[in-house]
Amino acid sequence: MILVRQEIGDVLRDLRQQKGQTLRQVASRASVALGYLSEVERGQKEASSEILASLADALDVPISMIMREVGDRIAVLEGISTVPDMVPDELMASVESELSLR
Protein backbone atom coordinates (compact mmCIF):
# COMPACT_ATOMS: atom_id res chain seq x y z
CA MET A 1 0.00 0.00 0.00
CA ILE A 2 1.28 3.44 -0.92
CA LEU A 3 1.33 5.88 1.99
CA VAL A 4 1.23 9.49 0.88
CA ARG A 5 2.58 10.62 4.27
CA GLN A 6 5.65 8.44 3.70
CA GLU A 7 6.30 9.99 0.29
CA ILE A 8 5.81 13.51 1.67
CA GLY A 9 8.26 12.75 4.46
CA ASP A 10 10.82 11.37 2.01
CA VAL A 11 10.54 14.45 -0.21
CA LEU A 12 10.86 16.83 2.75
CA ARG A 13 13.92 14.96 4.06
CA ASP A 14 15.55 14.90 0.63
CA LEU A 15 14.99 18.64 0.15
CA ARG A 16 16.31 19.43 3.62
CA GLN A 17 19.43 17.33 3.08
CA GLN A 18 20.03 18.78 -0.40
CA LYS A 19 20.04 22.22 1.19
CA GLY A 20 22.46 21.06 3.90
CA GLN A 21 20.05 21.90 6.70
CA THR A 22 19.48 20.10 9.97
CA LEU A 23 16.14 19.06 11.39
CA ARG A 24 16.63 21.63 14.11
CA GLN A 25 17.19 24.48 11.63
CA VAL A 26 14.13 23.68 9.53
CA ALA A 27 11.91 23.02 12.56
CA SER A 28 12.92 26.36 14.06
CA ARG A 29 12.27 28.32 10.86
CA ALA A 30 8.94 26.54 10.32
CA SER A 31 7.91 26.97 13.97
CA VAL A 32 7.24 23.27 14.44
CA ALA A 33 8.57 20.96 17.12
CA LEU A 34 11.75 19.12 16.23
CA GLY A 35 10.26 15.76 17.21
CA TYR A 36 7.16 16.40 15.12
CA LEU A 37 9.22 17.26 12.03
CA SER A 38 11.24 14.10 12.57
CA GLU A 39 8.03 12.05 12.68
CA VAL A 40 6.73 13.74 9.53
CA GLU A 41 9.97 12.98 7.69
CA ARG A 42 9.77 9.34 8.76
CA GLY A 43 6.17 9.11 7.56
CA GLN A 44 4.82 8.51 11.05
CA LYS A 45 2.72 11.69 11.23
CA GLU A 46 0.44 13.41 8.73
CA ALA A 47 1.35 17.04 8.15
CA SER A 48 -1.50 19.52 7.74
CA SER A 49 -1.54 21.86 4.77
CA GLU A 50 -0.53 24.70 7.11
CA ILE A 51 2.49 22.74 8.35
CA LEU A 52 3.45 21.82 4.79
CA ALA A 53 3.27 25.50 3.82
CA SER A 54 5.49 26.44 6.79
CA LEU A 55 7.99 23.73 5.89
CA ALA A 56 8.03 24.83 2.26
CA ASP A 57 8.77 28.39 3.38
CA ALA A 58 11.49 27.16 5.75
CA LEU A 59 13.07 25.17 2.91
CA ASP A 60 12.61 28.10 0.51
CA VAL A 61 10.75 26.01 -2.07
CA PRO A 62 7.23 26.39 -3.43
CA ILE A 63 4.75 23.94 -1.98
CA SER A 64 3.81 23.04 -5.57
CA MET A 65 7.33 21.68 -6.07
CA ILE A 66 6.98 19.47 -3.01
CA MET A 67 3.60 18.17 -4.13
CA ARG A 68 4.80 17.64 -7.71
CA GLU A 69 7.71 15.53 -6.45
CA VAL A 70 5.36 13.54 -4.20
CA GLY A 71 3.03 12.96 -7.16
CA ASP A 72 5.89 11.85 -9.39
CA ARG A 73 7.13 9.39 -6.76
CA ILE A 74 3.66 7.95 -6.27
CA ALA A 75 3.24 7.60 -10.05
CA VAL A 76 6.45 5.53 -10.17
CA LEU A 77 5.19 3.33 -7.32
CA GLU A 78 1.90 2.87 -9.18
CA GLY A 79 3.77 1.86 -12.30
CA ILE A 80 2.76 4.89 -14.34
CA SER A 81 5.60 5.49 -16.76
CA THR A 82 4.70 8.98 -17.91
CA VAL A 83 3.12 11.75 -15.92
CA PRO A 84 1.92 14.67 -18.07
CA ASP A 85 3.83 17.91 -17.53
CA MET A 86 0.88 20.09 -18.37
CA VAL A 87 -2.66 20.69 -17.27
CA PRO A 88 -5.27 19.37 -19.73
CA ASP A 89 -6.86 22.17 -21.82
CA GLU A 90 -10.37 21.39 -20.54
CA LEU A 91 -9.30 21.71 -16.91
CA MET A 92 -7.33 24.88 -17.58
CA ALA A 93 -10.33 26.47 -19.31
CA SER A 94 -12.65 25.66 -16.42
CA VAL A 95 -10.19 27.03 -13.86
CA GLU A 96 -9.63 30.21 -15.87
CA SER A 97 -13.36 30.81 -16.25
CA GLU A 98 -13.93 30.27 -12.53
CA LEU A 99 -11.12 32.65 -11.64
CA SER A 100 -12.48 35.33 -13.94
CA LEU A 101 -15.81 35.19 -12.09
CA ARG A 102 -14.15 36.30 -8.85
PDB file of N, CA and C in Angstrom:
ATOM      1  N   MET A   1       0.844  -1.173   0.000  1.00  0.00           N
ATOM      2  CA  MET A   1       0.000   0.000   0.000  1.00  0.00           C
ATOM      3  C   MET A   1       0.894   1.243   0.000  1.00  0.00           C
ATOM      4  N   ILE A   2       0.538   2.190  -0.827  1.00  0.00           N
ATOM      5  CA  ILE A   2       1.278   3.444  -0.915  1.00  0.00           C
ATOM      6  C   ILE A   2       0.766   4.387   0.170  1.00  0.00           C
ATOM      7  N   LEU A   3       1.691   4.915   0.958  1.00  0.00           N
ATOM      8  CA  LEU A   3       1.334   5.877   1.989  1.00  0.00           C
ATOM      9  C   LEU A   3       1.814   7.257   1.560  1.00  0.00           C
ATOM     10  N   VAL A   4       0.879   8.146   1.324  1.00  0.00           N
ATOM     11  CA  VAL A   4       1.228   9.493   0.882  1.00  0.00           C
ATOM     12  C   VAL A   4       2.094  10.180   1.935  1.00  0.00           C
ATOM     13  N   ARG A   5       1.784   9.972   3.220  1.00  0.00           N
ATOM     14  CA  ARG A   5       2.576  10.621   4.271  1.00  0.00           C
ATOM     15  C   ARG A   5       4.037  10.178   4.222  1.00  0.00           C
ATOM     16  N   GLN A   6       4.276   8.932   3.819  1.00  0.00           N
ATOM     17  CA  GLN A   6       5.652   8.441   3.703  1.00  0.00           C
ATOM     18  C   GLN A   6       6.373   9.156   2.556  1.00  0.00           C
ATOM     19  N   GLU A   7       5.696   9.310   1.441  1.00  0.00           N
ATOM     20  CA  GLU A   7       6.302   9.991   0.290  1.00  0.00           C
ATOM     21  C   GLU A   7       6.553  11.462   0.597  1.00  0.00           C
ATOM     22  N   ILE A   8       5.605  12.109   1.285  1.00  0.00           N
ATOM     23  CA  ILE A   8       5.806  13.513   1.674  1.00  0.00           C
ATOM     24  C   ILE A   8       7.022  13.627   2.581  1.00  0.00           C
ATOM     25  N   GLY A   9       7.114  12.738   3.545  1.00  0.00           N
ATOM     26  CA  GLY A   9       8.262  12.748   4.456  1.00  0.00           C
ATOM     27  C   GLY A   9       9.577  12.554   3.729  1.00  0.00           C
ATOM     28  N   ASP A  10       9.593  11.618   2.784  1.00  0.00           N
ATOM     29  CA  ASP A  10      10.825  11.372   2.014  1.00  0.00           C
ATOM     30  C   ASP A  10      11.229  12.601   1.208  1.00  0.00           C
ATOM     31  N   VAL A  11      10.246  13.254   0.594  1.00  0.00           N
ATOM     32  CA  VAL A  11      10.539  14.455  -0.205  1.00  0.00           C
ATOM     33  C   VAL A  11      11.064  15.569   0.697  1.00  0.00           C
ATOM     34  N   LEU A  12      10.415  15.783   1.829  1.00  0.00           N
ATOM     35  CA  LEU A  12      10.864  16.831   2.751  1.00  0.00           C
ATOM     36  C   LEU A  12      12.282  16.554   3.243  1.00  0.00           C
ATOM     37  N   ARG A  13      12.576  15.310   3.600  1.00  0.00           N
ATOM     38  CA  ARG A  13      13.917  14.956   4.064  1.00  0.00           C
ATOM     39  C   ARG A  13      14.948  15.177   2.956  1.00  0.00           C
ATOM     40  N   ASP A  14      14.620  14.721   1.747  1.00  0.00           N
ATOM     41  CA  ASP A  14      15.545  14.896   0.626  1.00  0.00           C
ATOM     42  C   ASP A  14      15.844  16.372   0.371  1.00  0.00           C
ATOM     43  N   LEU A  15      14.799  17.199   0.374  1.00  0.00           N
ATOM     44  CA  LEU A  15      14.994  18.641   0.148  1.00  0.00           C
ATOM     45  C   LEU A  15      15.852  19.256   1.254  1.00  0.00           C
ATOM     46  N   ARG A  16      15.549  18.896   2.490  1.00  0.00           N
ATOM     47  CA  ARG A  16      16.313  19.429   3.622  1.00  0.00           C
ATOM     48  C   ARG A  16      17.784  19.056   3.513  1.00  0.00           C
ATOM     49  N   GLN A  17      18.050  17.793   3.191  1.00  0.00           N
ATOM     50  CA  GLN A  17      19.429  17.329   3.078  1.00  0.00           C
ATOM     51  C   GLN A  17      20.146  17.959   1.880  1.00  0.00           C
ATOM     52  N   GLN A  18      19.429  18.125   0.764  1.00  0.00           N
ATOM     53  CA  GLN A  18      20.033  18.780  -0.404  1.00  0.00           C
ATOM     54  C   GLN A  18      20.460  20.205  -0.079  1.00  0.00           C
ATOM     55  N   LYS A  19      19.727  20.840   0.808  1.00  0.00           N
ATOM     56  CA  LYS A  19      20.042  22.220   1.188  1.00  0.00           C
ATOM     57  C   LYS A  19      21.035  22.282   2.346  1.00  0.00           C
ATOM     58  N   GLY A  20      21.471  21.114   2.829  1.00  0.00           N
ATOM     59  CA  GLY A  20      22.461  21.062   3.900  1.00  0.00           C
ATOM     60  C   GLY A  20      21.938  21.585   5.236  1.00  0.00           C
ATOM     61  N   GLN A  21      20.656  21.398   5.485  1.00  0.00           N
ATOM     62  CA  GLN A  21      20.052  21.904   6.702  1.00  0.00           C
ATOM     63  C   GLN A  21      19.771  20.764   7.681  1.00  0.00           C
ATOM     64  N   THR A  22      19.796  21.095   8.939  1.00  0.00           N
ATOM     65  CA  THR A  22      19.482  20.102   9.974  1.00  0.00           C
ATOM     66  C   THR A  22      17.990  20.142  10.280  1.00  0.00           C
ATOM     67  N   LEU A  23      17.521  19.085  10.912  1.00  0.00           N
ATOM     68  CA  LEU A  23      16.135  19.057  11.387  1.00  0.00           C
ATOM     69  C   LEU A  23      15.865  20.254  12.286  1.00  0.00           C
ATOM     70  N   ARG A  24      16.799  20.535  13.160  1.00  0.00           N
ATOM     71  CA  ARG A  24      16.631  21.632  14.112  1.00  0.00           C
ATOM     72  C   ARG A  24      16.465  22.972  13.394  1.00  0.00           C
ATOM     73  N   GLN A  25      17.268  23.218  12.375  1.00  0.00           N
ATOM     74  CA  GLN A  25      17.187  24.480  11.634  1.00  0.00           C
ATOM     75  C   GLN A  25      15.832  24.639  10.952  1.00  0.00           C
ATOM     76  N   VAL A  26      15.398  23.598  10.261  1.00  0.00           N
ATOM     77  CA  VAL A  26      14.130  23.677   9.533  1.00  0.00           C
ATOM     78  C   VAL A  26      12.958  23.771  10.503  1.00  0.00           C
ATOM     79  N   ALA A  27      12.991  22.978  11.558  1.00  0.00           N
ATOM     80  CA  ALA A  27      11.907  23.022  12.556  1.00  0.00           C
ATOM     81  C   ALA A  27      11.797  24.418  13.161  1.00  0.00           C
ATOM     82  N   SER A  28      12.921  25.020  13.469  1.00  0.00           N
ATOM     83  CA  SER A  28      12.922  26.357  14.056  1.00  0.00           C
ATOM     84  C   SER A  28      12.334  27.386  13.095  1.00  0.00           C
ATOM     85  N   ARG A  29      12.779  27.364  11.850  1.00  0.00           N
ATOM     86  CA  ARG A  29      12.274  28.324  10.860  1.00  0.00           C
ATOM     87  C   ARG A  29      10.794  28.104  10.555  1.00  0.00           C
ATOM     88  N   ALA A  30      10.347  26.849  10.618  1.00  0.00           N
ATOM     89  CA  ALA A  30       8.939  26.541  10.316  1.00  0.00           C
ATOM     90  C   ALA A  30       8.049  26.650  11.552  1.00  0.00           C
ATOM     91  N   SER A  31       8.652  26.888  12.702  1.00  0.00           N
ATOM     92  CA  SER A  31       7.915  26.975  13.975  1.00  0.00           C
ATOM     93  C   SER A  31       7.144  25.693  14.274  1.00  0.00           C
ATOM     94  N   VAL A  32       7.816  24.560  14.067  1.00  0.00           N
ATOM     95  CA  VAL A  32       7.244  23.267  14.444  1.00  0.00           C
ATOM     96  C   VAL A  32       8.223  22.566  15.383  1.00  0.00           C
ATOM     97  N   ALA A  33       7.718  21.690  16.187  1.00  0.00           N
ATOM     98  CA  ALA A  33       8.566  20.959  17.124  1.00  0.00           C
ATOM     99  C   ALA A  33       9.513  20.035  16.365  1.00  0.00           C
ATOM    100  N   LEU A  34      10.731  19.969  16.850  1.00  0.00           N
ATOM    101  CA  LEU A  34      11.754  19.123  16.232  1.00  0.00           C
ATOM    102  C   LEU A  34      11.288  17.675  16.135  1.00  0.00           C
ATOM    103  N   GLY A  35      10.732  17.143  17.209  1.00  0.00           N
ATOM    104  CA  GLY A  35      10.258  15.757  17.214  1.00  0.00           C
ATOM    105  C   GLY A  35       9.140  15.527  16.213  1.00  0.00           C
ATOM    106  N   TYR A  36       8.267  16.519  16.079  1.00  0.00           N
ATOM    107  CA  TYR A  36       7.161  16.405  15.124  1.00  0.00           C
ATOM    108  C   TYR A  36       7.698  16.367  13.701  1.00  0.00           C
ATOM    109  N   LEU A  37       8.635  17.252  13.374  1.00  0.00           N
ATOM    110  CA  LEU A  37       9.224  17.257  12.032  1.00  0.00           C
ATOM    111  C   LEU A  37       9.915  15.922  11.756  1.00  0.00           C
ATOM    112  N   SER A  38      10.592  15.394  12.728  1.00  0.00           N
ATOM    113  CA  SER A  38      11.235  14.098  12.566  1.00  0.00           C
ATOM    114  C   SER A  38      10.210  13.009  12.243  1.00  0.00           C
ATOM    115  N   GLU A  39       9.082  13.031  12.943  1.00  0.00           N
ATOM    116  CA  GLU A  39       8.029  12.047  12.684  1.00  0.00           C
ATOM    117  C   GLU A  39       7.407  12.231  11.305  1.00  0.00           C
ATOM    118  N   VAL A  40       7.257  13.480  10.869  1.00  0.00           N
ATOM    119  CA  VAL A  40       6.730  13.744   9.528  1.00  0.00           C
ATOM    120  C   VAL A  40       7.693  13.193   8.488  1.00  0.00           C
ATOM    121  N   GLU A  41       8.978  13.470   8.651  1.00  0.00           N
ATOM    122  CA  GLU A  41       9.971  12.982   7.686  1.00  0.00           C
ATOM    123  C   GLU A  41      10.023  11.455   7.628  1.00  0.00           C
ATOM    124  N   ARG A  42       9.759  10.802   8.741  1.00  0.00           N
ATOM    125  CA  ARG A  42       9.773   9.336   8.764  1.00  0.00           C
ATOM    126  C   ARG A  42       8.443   8.736   8.357  1.00  0.00           C
ATOM    127  N   GLY A  43       7.470   9.592   8.008  1.00  0.00           N
ATOM    128  CA  GLY A  43       6.170   9.105   7.559  1.00  0.00           C
ATOM    129  C   GLY A  43       5.299   8.589   8.677  1.00  0.00           C
ATOM    130  N   GLN A  44       5.602   8.981   9.906  1.00  0.00           N
ATOM    131  CA  GLN A  44       4.825   8.510  11.049  1.00  0.00           C
ATOM    132  C   GLN A  44       3.680   9.451  11.407  1.00  0.00           C
ATOM    133  N   LYS A  45       3.774  10.699  10.956  1.00  0.00           N
ATOM    134  CA  LYS A  45       2.723  11.686  11.226  1.00  0.00           C
ATOM    135  C   LYS A  45       2.282  12.324   9.925  1.00  0.00           C
ATOM    136  N   GLU A  46       0.994  12.670   9.866  1.00  0.00           N
ATOM    137  CA  GLU A  46       0.442  13.411   8.732  1.00  0.00           C
ATOM    138  C   GLU A  46       0.657  14.899   9.000  1.00  0.00           C
ATOM    139  N   ALA A  47       1.169  15.603   8.010  1.00  0.00           N
ATOM    140  CA  ALA A  47       1.354  17.044   8.148  1.00  0.00           C
ATOM    141  C   ALA A  47       0.141  17.757   7.546  1.00  0.00           C
ATOM    142  N   SER A  48      -0.382  18.733   8.262  1.00  0.00           N
ATOM    143  CA  SER A  48      -1.498  19.516   7.738  1.00  0.00           C
ATOM    144  C   SER A  48      -0.999  20.407   6.600  1.00  0.00           C
ATOM    145  N   SER A  49      -1.929  20.969   5.858  1.00  0.00           N
ATOM    146  CA  SER A  49      -1.543  21.860   4.769  1.00  0.00           C
ATOM    147  C   SER A  49      -0.824  23.091   5.316  1.00  0.00           C
ATOM    148  N   GLU A  50      -1.203  23.548   6.498  1.00  0.00           N
ATOM    149  CA  GLU A  50      -0.528  24.695   7.110  1.00  0.00           C
ATOM    150  C   GLU A  50       0.915  24.357   7.464  1.00  0.00           C
ATOM    151  N   ILE A  51       1.129  23.172   8.014  1.00  0.00           N
ATOM    152  CA  ILE A  51       2.490  22.736   8.354  1.00  0.00           C
ATOM    153  C   ILE A  51       3.311  22.576   7.083  1.00  0.00           C
ATOM    154  N   LEU A  52       2.728  21.973   6.054  1.00  0.00           N
ATOM    155  CA  LEU A  52       3.454  21.821   4.787  1.00  0.00           C
ATOM    156  C   LEU A  52       3.849  23.181   4.219  1.00  0.00           C
ATOM    157  N   ALA A  53       2.954  24.154   4.310  1.00  0.00           N
ATOM    158  CA  ALA A  53       3.274  25.500   3.821  1.00  0.00           C
ATOM    159  C   ALA A  53       4.416  26.103   4.632  1.00  0.00           C
ATOM    160  N   SER A  54       4.409  25.926   5.941  1.00  0.00           N
ATOM    161  CA  SER A  54       5.490  26.440   6.787  1.00  0.00           C
ATOM    162  C   SER A  54       6.810  25.761   6.466  1.00  0.00           C
ATOM    163  N   LEU A  55       6.765  24.460   6.235  1.00  0.00           N
ATOM    164  CA  LEU A  55       7.990  23.729   5.895  1.00  0.00           C
ATOM    165  C   LEU A  55       8.513  24.146   4.526  1.00  0.00           C
ATOM    166  N   ALA A  56       7.612  24.353   3.585  1.00  0.00           N
ATOM    167  CA  ALA A  56       8.032  24.825   2.260  1.00  0.00           C
ATOM    168  C   ALA A  56       8.723  26.174   2.378  1.00  0.00           C
ATOM    169  N   ASP A  57       8.153  27.075   3.167  1.00  0.00           N
ATOM    170  CA  ASP A  57       8.774  28.387   3.384  1.00  0.00           C
ATOM    171  C   ASP A  57      10.144  28.235   4.037  1.00  0.00           C
ATOM    172  N   ALA A  58      10.222  27.367   5.043  1.00  0.00           N
ATOM    173  CA  ALA A  58      11.486  27.163   5.753  1.00  0.00           C
ATOM    174  C   ALA A  58      12.558  26.584   4.829  1.00  0.00           C
ATOM    175  N   LEU A  59      12.131  25.762   3.870  1.00  0.00           N
ATOM    176  CA  LEU A  59      13.068  25.170   2.914  1.00  0.00           C
ATOM    177  C   LEU A  59      13.279  26.048   1.685  1.00  0.00           C
ATOM    178  N   ASP A  60      12.537  27.151   1.626  1.00  0.00           N
ATOM    179  CA  ASP A  60      12.612  28.096   0.515  1.00  0.00           C
ATOM    180  C   ASP A  60      12.313  27.433  -0.831  1.00  0.00           C
ATOM    181  N   VAL A  61      11.233  26.642  -0.832  1.00  0.00           N
ATOM    182  CA  VAL A  61      10.750  26.011  -2.065  1.00  0.00           C
ATOM    183  C   VAL A  61       9.241  26.199  -2.141  1.00  0.00           C
ATOM    184  N   PRO A  62       8.693  26.290  -3.339  1.00  0.00           N
ATOM    185  CA  PRO A  62       7.231  26.386  -3.434  1.00  0.00           C
ATOM    186  C   PRO A  62       6.587  25.062  -3.040  1.00  0.00           C
ATOM    187  N   ILE A  63       5.454  25.153  -2.395  1.00  0.00           N
ATOM    188  CA  ILE A  63       4.747  23.939  -1.985  1.00  0.00           C
ATOM    189  C   ILE A  63       4.376  23.103  -3.214  1.00  0.00           C
ATOM    190  N   SER A  64       4.146  23.771  -4.341  1.00  0.00           N
ATOM    191  CA  SER A  64       3.811  23.038  -5.566  1.00  0.00           C
ATOM    192  C   SER A  64       4.954  22.116  -5.986  1.00  0.00           C
ATOM    193  N   MET A  65       6.183  22.534  -5.739  1.00  0.00           N
ATOM    194  CA  MET A  65       7.331  21.685  -6.066  1.00  0.00           C
ATOM    195  C   MET A  65       7.349  20.431  -5.191  1.00  0.00           C
ATOM    196  N   ILE A  66       7.035  20.614  -3.926  1.00  0.00           N
ATOM    197  CA  ILE A  66       6.979  19.466  -3.009  1.00  0.00           C
ATOM    198  C   ILE A  66       5.894  18.499  -3.467  1.00  0.00           C
ATOM    199  N   MET A  67       4.708  19.033  -3.744  1.00  0.00           N
ATOM    200  CA  MET A  67       3.597  18.175  -4.133  1.00  0.00           C
ATOM    201  C   MET A  67       3.851  17.513  -5.486  1.00  0.00           C
ATOM    202  N   ARG A  68       4.486  18.221  -6.396  1.00  0.00           N
ATOM    203  CA  ARG A  68       4.802  17.635  -7.709  1.00  0.00           C
ATOM    204  C   ARG A  68       5.748  16.446  -7.540  1.00  0.00           C
ATOM    205  N   GLU A  69       6.763  16.621  -6.696  1.00  0.00           N
ATOM    206  CA  GLU A  69       7.713  15.532  -6.452  1.00  0.00           C
ATOM    207  C   GLU A  69       7.011  14.347  -5.790  1.00  0.00           C
ATOM    208  N   VAL A  70       6.134  14.616  -4.850  1.00  0.00           N
ATOM    209  CA  VAL A  70       5.361  13.544  -4.200  1.00  0.00           C
ATOM    210  C   VAL A  70       4.529  12.813  -5.248  1.00  0.00           C
ATOM    211  N   GLY A  71       3.844  13.564  -6.099  1.00  0.00           N
ATOM    212  CA  GLY A  71       3.028  12.959  -7.157  1.00  0.00           C
ATOM    213  C   GLY A  71       3.852  12.115  -8.109  1.00  0.00           C
ATOM    214  N   ASP A  72       5.025  12.609  -8.489  1.00  0.00           N
ATOM    215  CA  ASP A  72       5.894  11.846  -9.387  1.00  0.00           C
ATOM    216  C   ASP A  72       6.353  10.541  -8.743  1.00  0.00           C
ATOM    217  N   ARG A  73       6.684  10.600  -7.466  1.00  0.00           N
ATOM    218  CA  ARG A  73       7.128   9.385  -6.765  1.00  0.00           C
ATOM    219  C   ARG A  73       5.996   8.367  -6.648  1.00  0.00           C
ATOM    220  N   ILE A  74       4.804   8.852  -6.366  1.00  0.00           N
ATOM    221  CA  ILE A  74       3.660   7.946  -6.269  1.00  0.00           C
ATOM    222  C   ILE A  74       3.362   7.326  -7.629  1.00  0.00           C
ATOM    223  N   ALA A  75       3.469   8.122  -8.698  1.00  0.00           N
ATOM    224  CA  ALA A  75       3.242   7.595 -10.052  1.00  0.00           C
ATOM    225  C   ALA A  75       4.209   6.450 -10.347  1.00  0.00           C
ATOM    226  N   VAL A  76       5.457   6.598  -9.958  1.00  0.00           N
ATOM    227  CA  VAL A  76       6.446   5.529 -10.167  1.00  0.00           C
ATOM    228  C   VAL A  76       6.028   4.281  -9.388  1.00  0.00           C
ATOM    229  N   LEU A  77       5.621   4.467  -8.132  1.00  0.00           N
ATOM    230  CA  LEU A  77       5.189   3.330  -7.320  1.00  0.00           C
ATOM    231  C   LEU A  77       3.961   2.643  -7.899  1.00  0.00           C
ATOM    232  N   GLU A  78       3.105   3.424  -8.560  1.00  0.00           N
ATOM    233  CA  GLU A  78       1.904   2.869  -9.182  1.00  0.00           C
ATOM    234  C   GLU A  78       2.192   2.263 -10.554  1.00  0.00           C
ATOM    235  N   GLY A  79       3.406   2.428 -11.012  1.00  0.00           N
ATOM    236  CA  GLY A  79       3.771   1.861 -12.303  1.00  0.00           C
ATOM    237  C   GLY A  79       3.373   2.712 -13.486  1.00  0.00           C
ATOM    238  N   ILE A  80       3.095   3.982 -13.240  1.00  0.00           N
ATOM    239  CA  ILE A  80       2.761   4.887 -14.339  1.00  0.00           C
ATOM    240  C   ILE A  80       4.072   5.410 -14.907  1.00  0.00           C
ATOM    241  N   SER A  81       4.298   5.146 -16.183  1.00  0.00           N
ATOM    242  CA  SER A  81       5.597   5.489 -16.761  1.00  0.00           C
ATOM    243  C   SER A  81       5.712   6.955 -17.148  1.00  0.00           C
ATOM    244  N   THR A  82       4.622   7.571 -17.539  1.00  0.00           N
ATOM    245  CA  THR A  82       4.695   8.979 -17.913  1.00  0.00           C
ATOM    246  C   THR A  82       3.613   9.770 -17.204  1.00  0.00           C
ATOM    247  N   VAL A  83       4.046  10.836 -16.594  1.00  0.00           N
ATOM    248  CA  VAL A  83       3.122  11.749 -15.924  1.00  0.00           C
ATOM    249  C   VAL A  83       3.121  13.024 -16.753  1.00  0.00           C
ATOM    250  N   PRO A  84       1.951  13.471 -17.226  1.00  0.00           N
ATOM    251  CA  PRO A  84       1.923  14.667 -18.072  1.00  0.00           C
ATOM    252  C   PRO A  84       2.495  15.885 -17.345  1.00  0.00           C
ATOM    253  N   ASP A  85       3.230  16.710 -18.098  1.00  0.00           N
ATOM    254  CA  ASP A  85       3.829  17.910 -17.533  1.00  0.00           C
ATOM    255  C   ASP A  85       2.942  19.132 -17.675  1.00  0.00           C
ATOM    256  N   MET A  86       1.736  18.934 -18.184  1.00  0.00           N
ATOM    257  CA  MET A  86       0.877  20.088 -18.373  1.00  0.00           C
ATOM    258  C   MET A  86      -0.550  19.775 -17.942  1.00  0.00           C
ATOM    259  N   VAL A  87      -1.264  20.819 -17.670  1.00  0.00           N
ATOM    260  CA  VAL A  87      -2.660  20.691 -17.273  1.00  0.00           C
ATOM    261  C   VAL A  87      -3.493  20.517 -18.540  1.00  0.00           C
ATOM    262  N   PRO A  88      -4.413  19.538 -18.554  1.00  0.00           N
ATOM    263  CA  PRO A  88      -5.266  19.370 -19.734  1.00  0.00           C
ATOM    264  C   PRO A  88      -6.019  20.663 -20.066  1.00  0.00           C
ATOM    265  N   ASP A  89      -6.215  20.928 -21.361  1.00  0.00           N
ATOM    266  CA  ASP A  89      -6.859  22.166 -21.821  1.00  0.00           C
ATOM    267  C   ASP A  89      -8.237  22.368 -21.200  1.00  0.00           C
ATOM    268  N   GLU A  90      -9.027  21.272 -21.091  1.00  0.00           N
ATOM    269  CA  GLU A  90     -10.374  21.394 -20.541  1.00  0.00           C
ATOM    270  C   GLU A  90     -10.335  21.870 -19.082  1.00  0.00           C
ATOM    271  N   LEU A  91      -9.414  21.322 -18.313  1.00  0.00           N
ATOM    272  CA  LEU A  91      -9.300  21.707 -16.911  1.00  0.00           C
ATOM    273  C   LEU A  91      -8.825  23.151 -16.803  1.00  0.00           C
ATOM    274  N   MET A  92      -7.847  23.507 -17.605  1.00  0.00           N
ATOM    275  CA  MET A  92      -7.328  24.876 -17.576  1.00  0.00           C
ATOM    276  C   MET A  92      -8.426  25.882 -17.915  1.00  0.00           C
ATOM    277  N   ALA A  93      -9.242  25.573 -18.908  1.00  0.00           N
ATOM    278  CA  ALA A  93     -10.325  26.474 -19.311  1.00  0.00           C
ATOM    279  C   ALA A  93     -11.343  26.643 -18.185  1.00  0.00           C
ATOM    280  N   SER A  94     -11.676  25.552 -17.506  1.00  0.00           N
ATOM    281  CA  SER A  94     -12.651  25.663 -16.421  1.00  0.00           C
ATOM    282  C   SER A  94     -12.088  26.446 -15.240  1.00  0.00           C
ATOM    283  N   VAL A  95     -10.823  26.281 -14.958  1.00  0.00           N
ATOM    284  CA  VAL A  95     -10.191  27.032 -13.859  1.00  0.00           C
ATOM    285  C   VAL A  95     -10.113  28.507 -14.215  1.00  0.00           C
ATOM    286  N   GLU A  96      -9.720  28.802 -15.436  1.00  0.00           N
ATOM    287  CA  GLU A  96      -9.628  30.205 -15.867  1.00  0.00           C
ATOM    288  C   GLU A  96     -10.982  30.892 -15.823  1.00  0.00           C
ATOM    289  N   SER A  97     -12.036  30.198 -16.272  1.00  0.00           N
ATOM    290  CA  SER A  97     -13.361  30.809 -16.253  1.00  0.00           C
ATOM    291  C   SER A  97     -13.837  31.024 -14.825  1.00  0.00           C
ATOM    292  N   GLU A  98     -13.529  30.099 -13.934  1.00  0.00           N
ATOM    293  CA  GLU A  98     -13.931  30.267 -12.535  1.00  0.00           C
ATOM    294  C   GLU A  98     -13.176  31.419 -11.884  1.00  0.00           C
ATOM    295  N   LEU A  99     -11.894  31.561 -12.194  1.00  0.00           N
ATOM    296  CA  LEU A  99     -11.121  32.654 -11.635  1.00  0.00           C
ATOM    297  C   LEU A  99     -11.586  34.005 -12.142  1.00  0.00           C
ATOM    298  N   SER A 100     -12.032  34.056 -13.384  1.00  0.00           N
ATOM    299  CA  SER A 100     -12.482  35.334 -13.940  1.00  0.00           C
ATOM    300  C   SER A 100     -13.818  35.788 -13.332  1.00  0.00           C
ATOM    301  N   LEU A 101     -14.545  34.836 -12.731  1.00  0.00           N
ATOM    302  CA  LEU A 101     -15.810  35.186 -12.091  1.00  0.00           C
ATOM    303  C   LEU A 101     -15.602  35.848 -10.730  1.00  0.00           C
ATOM    304  N   ARG A 102     -14.423  35.746 -10.198  1.00  0.00           N
ATOM    305  CA  ARG A 102     -14.155  36.298  -8.854  1.00  0.00           C
ATOM    306  C   ARG A 102     -13.866  37.751  -8.873  1.00  0.00           C
TER     307      ARG A 102
END
